[in-house]
Amino acid sequence: MTALLDKAAISRSFSAAAGAYDGWASAQDQIAEALVRRLPEGASAGRMVELGCGTGLLAARLLRRFPDATLLGLDLAEGMIGACRRRFAGEPRARFVVADAEDPAACRLTPQLSAVDLVAASCSAQWFADPAGTFRRWAATLAPGGLLAAALLVRGSYPELDAAHHDALGTPFQGLPFPCEDEALAAASPPGVVPLVVEAASVAVRYPSARAALGSFRGIGAALRDQPGRAVLGAGRMRRLLAAYEARSGDGGALVTHRVLHVVARRAP
């Protein structure tokens, strides 16, 4: 889906943003909270893995929800893993490793194959080259009855940016190619697991200005400027984009809306 992305550039961008990430990640925080709320009542977990752990917003919630569980967090970005290690310093149940969750070798970082009780991913699959293959490999590590839980950004995300870009420059914004909801569901419920929860929602964050709204993407590291084939807007085009965003925002501030599909699936007992 995103096979042309340069993962080294992704790692650099998110590492550079790690120190400021939490201050900008209001939507990601809300999405992580919503994913944990959708886990089944009475679910238990001994071993958990998070794919693309960022600074640990989801990890913290999972460790609170499952006080007897251990968690392995994986992320491409050294800066993000460093932030997690600082956040969870002194927490013996949590371990964080710089690793590409898409690399089949990453599955061998788990203590024992086919013995993971929960694999989770929140707002990370859009950076995978092969989300379906990645979730399929990790589903194979689940113990019988284990859960795969994912919050996936889907088509319809960032309509405000797309509309402003069209107004200003005559073309849609060239962002990540988000899947439709059916594609996202298929990726996050590979053979061998059965969906228990499939719910779509919109998460909107209001910023004081269009400049702050656009800055929020850079603030979390979600920048595409160093990616192959991604043109950098010049100063003049950026001014036009900001003006168009402001014109659409009015006096109430500038919205950034995320369209999210939450999927919780269970491996057959």
Protein backbone atom coordinates (compact mmCIF):
# COMPACT_ATOMS: atom_id res chain seq x y z
CA MET A 1 0.00 0.00 0.00
CA THR A 2 2.87 2.39 0.84
CA ALA A 3 5.73 0.42 -0.72
CA LEU A 4 7.54 3.49 -2.01
CA LEU A 5 8.05 5.08 1.39
CA ASP A 6 11.64 5.49 2.56
CA LYS A 7 11.69 3.93 6.02
CA ALA A 8 14.99 5.54 6.94
CA ALA A 9 13.36 8.93 6.36
CA ILE A 10 10.34 7.87 8.42
CA SER A 11 12.68 6.87 11.26
CA ARG A 12 14.55 10.19 11.13
CA SER A 13 11.36 12.24 11.06
CA PHE A 14 9.73 10.51 14.01
CA SER A 15 12.95 10.44 16.01
CA ALA A 16 13.32 14.19 15.56
CA ALA A 17 9.74 14.72 16.76
CA ALA A 18 9.92 12.41 19.79
CA GLY A 19 10.57 15.17 22.33
CA ALA A 20 7.55 17.24 21.27
CA TYR A 21 5.29 14.39 20.17
CA ASP A 22 3.01 14.17 23.19
CA GLY A 23 2.23 17.87 23.01
CA TRP A 24 0.92 17.51 19.46
CA ALA A 25 -0.59 14.02 19.64
CA SER A 26 -4.06 14.84 20.95
CA ALA A 27 -5.79 12.80 18.25
CA GLN A 28 -3.41 9.87 18.63
CA ASP A 29 -4.02 9.89 22.39
CA GLN A 30 -7.79 9.83 21.91
CA ILE A 31 -7.53 7.05 19.33
CA ALA A 32 -5.38 4.91 21.62
CA GLU A 33 -7.86 5.37 24.45
CA ALA A 34 -10.75 4.40 22.18
CA LEU A 35 -8.94 1.25 21.05
CA VAL A 36 -8.40 0.06 24.63
CA ARG A 37 -12.06 0.76 25.45
CA ARG A 38 -13.04 -1.57 22.62
CA LEU A 39 -11.16 -4.56 24.01
CA PRO A 40 -13.59 -7.20 25.29
CA GLU A 41 -14.78 -7.01 28.87
CA GLY A 42 -13.08 -9.67 30.91
CA ALA A 43 -10.19 -10.10 28.46
CA SER A 44 -6.89 -11.14 30.00
CA ALA A 45 -3.35 -10.90 28.67
CA GLY A 46 0.02 -12.21 29.74
CA ARG A 47 2.22 -11.18 26.82
CA MET A 48 1.51 -8.12 24.67
CA VAL A 49 3.25 -6.65 21.62
CA GLU A 50 2.71 -3.16 20.21
CA LEU A 51 3.63 -2.43 16.59
CA GLY A 52 4.80 1.18 16.22
CA CYS A 53 4.74 2.18 19.87
CA GLY A 54 5.70 5.83 19.44
CA THR A 55 6.21 7.49 22.82
CA GLY A 56 4.09 4.92 24.66
CA LEU A 57 0.60 6.45 24.71
CA LEU A 58 -1.08 3.12 23.94
CA ALA A 59 1.48 1.09 25.90
CA ALA A 60 0.68 3.00 29.10
CA ARG A 61 -3.01 2.23 28.73
CA LEU A 62 -2.42 -1.44 27.95
CA LEU A 63 -0.19 -1.87 31.00
CA ARG A 64 -2.87 -0.26 33.19
CA ARG A 65 -5.62 -2.39 31.66
CA PHE A 66 -3.63 -5.61 32.12
CA PRO A 67 -1.61 -5.22 35.36
CA ASP A 68 -0.21 -8.75 35.20
CA ALA A 69 0.95 -8.52 31.58
CA THR A 70 4.29 -7.78 29.98
CA LEU A 71 4.64 -5.62 26.89
CA LEU A 72 7.13 -5.53 24.04
CA GLY A 73 7.03 -2.26 22.10
CA LEU A 74 8.55 -1.98 18.63
CA ASP A 75 9.27 1.17 16.65
CA LEU A 76 11.47 2.15 13.71
CA ALA A 77 12.51 5.41 15.33
CA GLU A 78 15.28 5.40 17.91
CA GLY A 79 13.97 8.67 19.31
CA MET A 80 10.57 7.14 19.99
CA ILE A 81 12.08 4.09 21.68
CA GLY A 82 14.23 6.40 23.79
CA ALA A 83 11.11 8.29 24.86
CA CYS A 84 9.42 5.02 25.84
CA ARG A 85 12.41 3.86 27.85
CA ARG A 86 12.37 7.13 29.77
CA ARG A 87 8.58 7.05 30.27
CA PHE A 88 8.68 3.48 31.58
CA ALA A 89 11.98 3.61 33.45
CA GLY A 90 11.67 1.29 36.40
CA GLU A 91 8.71 -0.60 34.87
CA PRO A 92 9.97 -4.20 34.64
CA ARG A 93 6.95 -5.33 32.65
CA ALA A 94 7.79 -3.19 29.61
CA ARG A 95 10.57 -3.63 27.05
CA PHE A 96 11.13 -1.44 24.01
CA VAL A 97 13.20 -2.32 20.94
CA VAL A 98 14.15 -0.39 17.80
CA ALA A 99 12.78 -2.68 15.10
CA ASP A 100 10.72 -2.68 11.93
CA ALA A 101 7.46 -4.45 12.81
CA GLU A 102 7.21 -5.49 9.15
CA ASP A 103 10.47 -7.41 9.27
CA PRO A 104 9.64 -11.11 9.76
CA ALA A 105 12.63 -11.28 12.12
CA ALA A 106 10.78 -8.94 14.50
CA CYS A 107 8.33 -11.72 15.33
CA ARG A 108 11.23 -13.64 16.83
CA LEU A 109 11.68 -10.92 19.45
CA THR A 110 8.69 -12.32 21.29
CA PRO A 111 9.58 -14.65 24.17
CA GLN A 112 7.91 -17.62 22.51
CA LEU A 113 6.21 -17.88 19.13
CA SER A 114 2.48 -18.61 19.20
CA ALA A 115 2.27 -17.41 22.80
CA VAL A 116 1.32 -13.72 22.47
CA ASP A 117 -2.02 -12.78 24.01
CA LEU A 118 -2.45 -9.34 22.42
CA VAL A 119 -0.93 -7.67 19.36
CA ALA A 120 -1.88 -3.99 19.12
CA ALA A 121 -1.24 -1.19 16.64
CA SER A 122 -2.64 2.33 16.77
CA CYS A 123 -2.10 4.87 14.00
CA SER A 124 0.97 3.03 12.71
CA ALA A 125 -0.26 0.77 9.89
CA GLN A 126 -0.39 3.67 7.41
CA TRP A 127 3.43 3.56 7.44
CA PHE A 128 3.56 -0.16 6.63
CA ALA A 129 4.48 -1.19 3.10
CA ASP A 130 2.32 -4.31 3.46
CA PRO A 131 -0.23 -3.98 6.26
CA ALA A 132 -2.04 -7.21 5.38
CA GLY A 133 1.16 -9.24 5.36
CA THR A 134 2.38 -7.64 8.56
CA PHE A 135 -0.82 -8.36 10.47
CA ARG A 136 -0.90 -11.88 9.05
CA ARG A 137 2.59 -12.61 10.41
CA TRP A 138 1.81 -11.18 13.82
CA ALA A 139 -1.54 -12.98 14.00
CA ALA A 140 0.45 -16.19 13.70
CA THR A 141 2.22 -15.35 16.97
CA LEU A 142 -1.07 -15.21 18.87
CA ALA A 143 -1.92 -17.89 21.38
CA PRO A 144 -5.31 -19.57 20.92
CA GLY A 145 -7.91 -16.99 21.89
CA GLY A 146 -5.38 -14.15 21.58
CA LEU A 147 -6.44 -10.72 20.35
CA LEU A 148 -5.33 -8.53 17.45
CA ALA A 149 -6.37 -4.91 18.05
CA ALA A 150 -5.77 -2.14 15.54
CA ALA A 151 -6.79 1.47 15.05
CA LEU A 152 -6.28 2.26 11.38
CA LEU A 153 -6.46 5.59 9.59
CA VAL A 154 -8.70 5.18 6.56
CA ARG A 155 -9.87 7.06 3.51
CA GLY A 156 -11.66 10.23 4.49
CA SER A 157 -8.94 11.39 6.87
CA TYR A 158 -7.86 15.05 6.69
CA PRO A 159 -10.71 16.34 4.48
CA GLU A 160 -9.97 19.91 5.56
CA LEU A 161 -6.40 19.74 4.27
CA ASP A 162 -7.49 18.06 1.06
CA ALA A 163 -10.16 20.70 0.37
CA ALA A 164 -7.81 23.60 1.16
CA HIS A 165 -5.12 22.15 -1.09
CA HIS A 166 -7.65 21.85 -3.92
CA ASP A 167 -8.86 25.42 -3.36
CA ALA A 168 -5.34 26.83 -3.30
CA LEU A 169 -3.52 24.70 -5.86
CA GLY A 170 -6.19 22.94 -7.89
CA THR A 171 -5.18 19.43 -6.87
CA PRO A 172 -5.91 17.09 -3.94
CA PHE A 173 -3.30 16.88 -1.21
CA GLN A 174 -0.73 14.19 -2.01
CA GLY A 175 -0.72 12.44 1.32
CA LEU A 176 -0.55 8.82 2.32
CA PRO A 177 -2.85 6.53 0.30
CA PHE A 178 -5.21 5.51 3.09
CA PRO A 179 -7.23 2.34 2.52
CA CYS A 180 -11.00 2.26 2.41
CA GLU A 181 -12.68 0.72 5.45
CA ASP A 182 -13.19 -2.66 3.77
CA GLU A 183 -9.50 -2.84 2.84
CA ALA A 184 -8.44 -1.88 6.35
CA LEU A 185 -10.73 -4.51 7.87
CA ALA A 186 -9.37 -7.19 5.56
CA ALA A 187 -5.79 -6.28 6.52
CA ALA A 188 -6.47 -6.26 10.27
CA SER A 189 -8.44 -9.52 10.33
CA PRO A 190 -6.22 -12.01 8.49
CA PRO A 191 -7.12 -15.69 8.12
CA GLY A 192 -7.26 -17.42 11.47
CA VAL A 193 -8.72 -14.51 13.43
CA VAL A 194 -12.37 -13.51 13.68
CA PRO A 195 -13.43 -9.85 14.08
CA LEU A 196 -15.22 -9.09 17.32
CA VAL A 197 -15.38 -5.31 17.00
CA VAL A 198 -15.44 -3.25 13.80
CA GLU A 199 -16.24 0.40 14.42
CA ALA A 200 -15.47 3.55 12.43
CA ALA A 201 -15.24 6.98 14.01
CA SER A 202 -14.04 10.48 13.24
CA VAL A 203 -11.62 12.16 15.64
CA ALA A 204 -11.31 15.90 15.09
CA VAL A 205 -8.81 18.24 16.75
CA ARG A 206 -9.25 22.00 16.55
CA TYR A 207 -6.16 24.22 16.31
CA PRO A 208 -6.03 27.99 16.74
CA SER A 209 -4.88 28.56 13.17
CA ALA A 210 -4.23 26.83 9.87
CA ARG A 211 -0.51 27.18 10.51
CA ALA A 212 -0.87 25.27 13.77
CA ALA A 213 -3.03 22.64 12.07
CA LEU A 214 -0.39 21.99 9.43
CA GLY A 215 2.31 22.20 12.07
CA SER A 216 0.66 19.35 13.95
CA PHE A 217 1.77 16.90 11.26
CA ARG A 218 5.38 18.00 11.62
CA GLY A 219 4.97 18.04 15.40
CA ILE A 220 4.32 14.30 15.53
CA GLY A 221 6.87 13.46 12.81
CA ALA A 222 4.34 12.63 10.10
CA ALA A 223 6.20 14.55 7.41
CA LEU A 224 6.51 13.39 3.82
CA ARG A 225 8.98 15.98 2.53
CA ASP A 226 11.91 13.53 2.36
CA GLN A 227 9.91 10.78 0.70
CA PRO A 228 10.49 9.78 -2.94
CA GLY A 229 8.30 11.68 -5.39
CA ARG A 230 7.01 14.12 -2.78
CA ALA A 231 7.42 17.70 -3.94
CA VAL A 232 8.09 20.37 -1.31
CA LEU A 233 5.75 23.34 -1.47
CA GLY A 234 7.55 26.60 -2.06
CA ALA A 235 6.89 29.63 0.11
CA GLY A 236 4.34 31.09 -2.28
CA ARG A 237 2.33 27.89 -2.61
CA MET A 238 2.44 27.37 1.14
CA ARG A 239 1.04 30.87 1.72
CA ARG A 240 -1.81 30.09 -0.66
CA LEU A 241 -2.50 26.80 1.10
CA LEU A 242 -2.55 28.45 4.52
CA ALA A 243 -4.87 31.19 3.24
CA ALA A 244 -7.25 28.62 1.81
CA TYR A 245 -7.21 26.61 5.02
CA GLU A 246 -7.93 29.75 7.04
CA ALA A 247 -10.75 30.75 4.69
CA ARG A 248 -12.41 27.38 5.20
CA SER A 249 -11.84 27.44 8.96
CA GLY A 250 -13.50 30.73 9.82
CA ASP A 251 -13.11 32.18 13.30
CA GLY A 252 -13.49 28.90 15.16
CA GLY A 253 -10.00 27.57 14.47
CA ALA A 254 -8.72 25.00 12.01
CA LEU A 255 -9.82 21.38 12.21
CA VAL A 256 -7.79 18.27 11.48
CA THR A 257 -10.11 15.26 11.22
CA HIS A 258 -8.89 11.68 11.41
CA ARG A 259 -11.14 8.91 10.11
CA VAL A 260 -10.39 5.77 12.08
CA LEU A 261 -11.43 2.14 11.85
CA HIS A 262 -11.10 0.20 15.10
CA VAL A 263 -10.78 -3.54 14.68
CA VAL A 264 -10.50 -6.11 17.45
CA ALA A 265 -10.20 -9.72 16.27
CA ARG A 266 -9.64 -12.99 18.12
CA ARG A 267 -7.66 -16.03 17.10
CA ALA A 268 -9.70 -19.22 17.29
CA PRO A 269 -9.31 -21.02 20.64
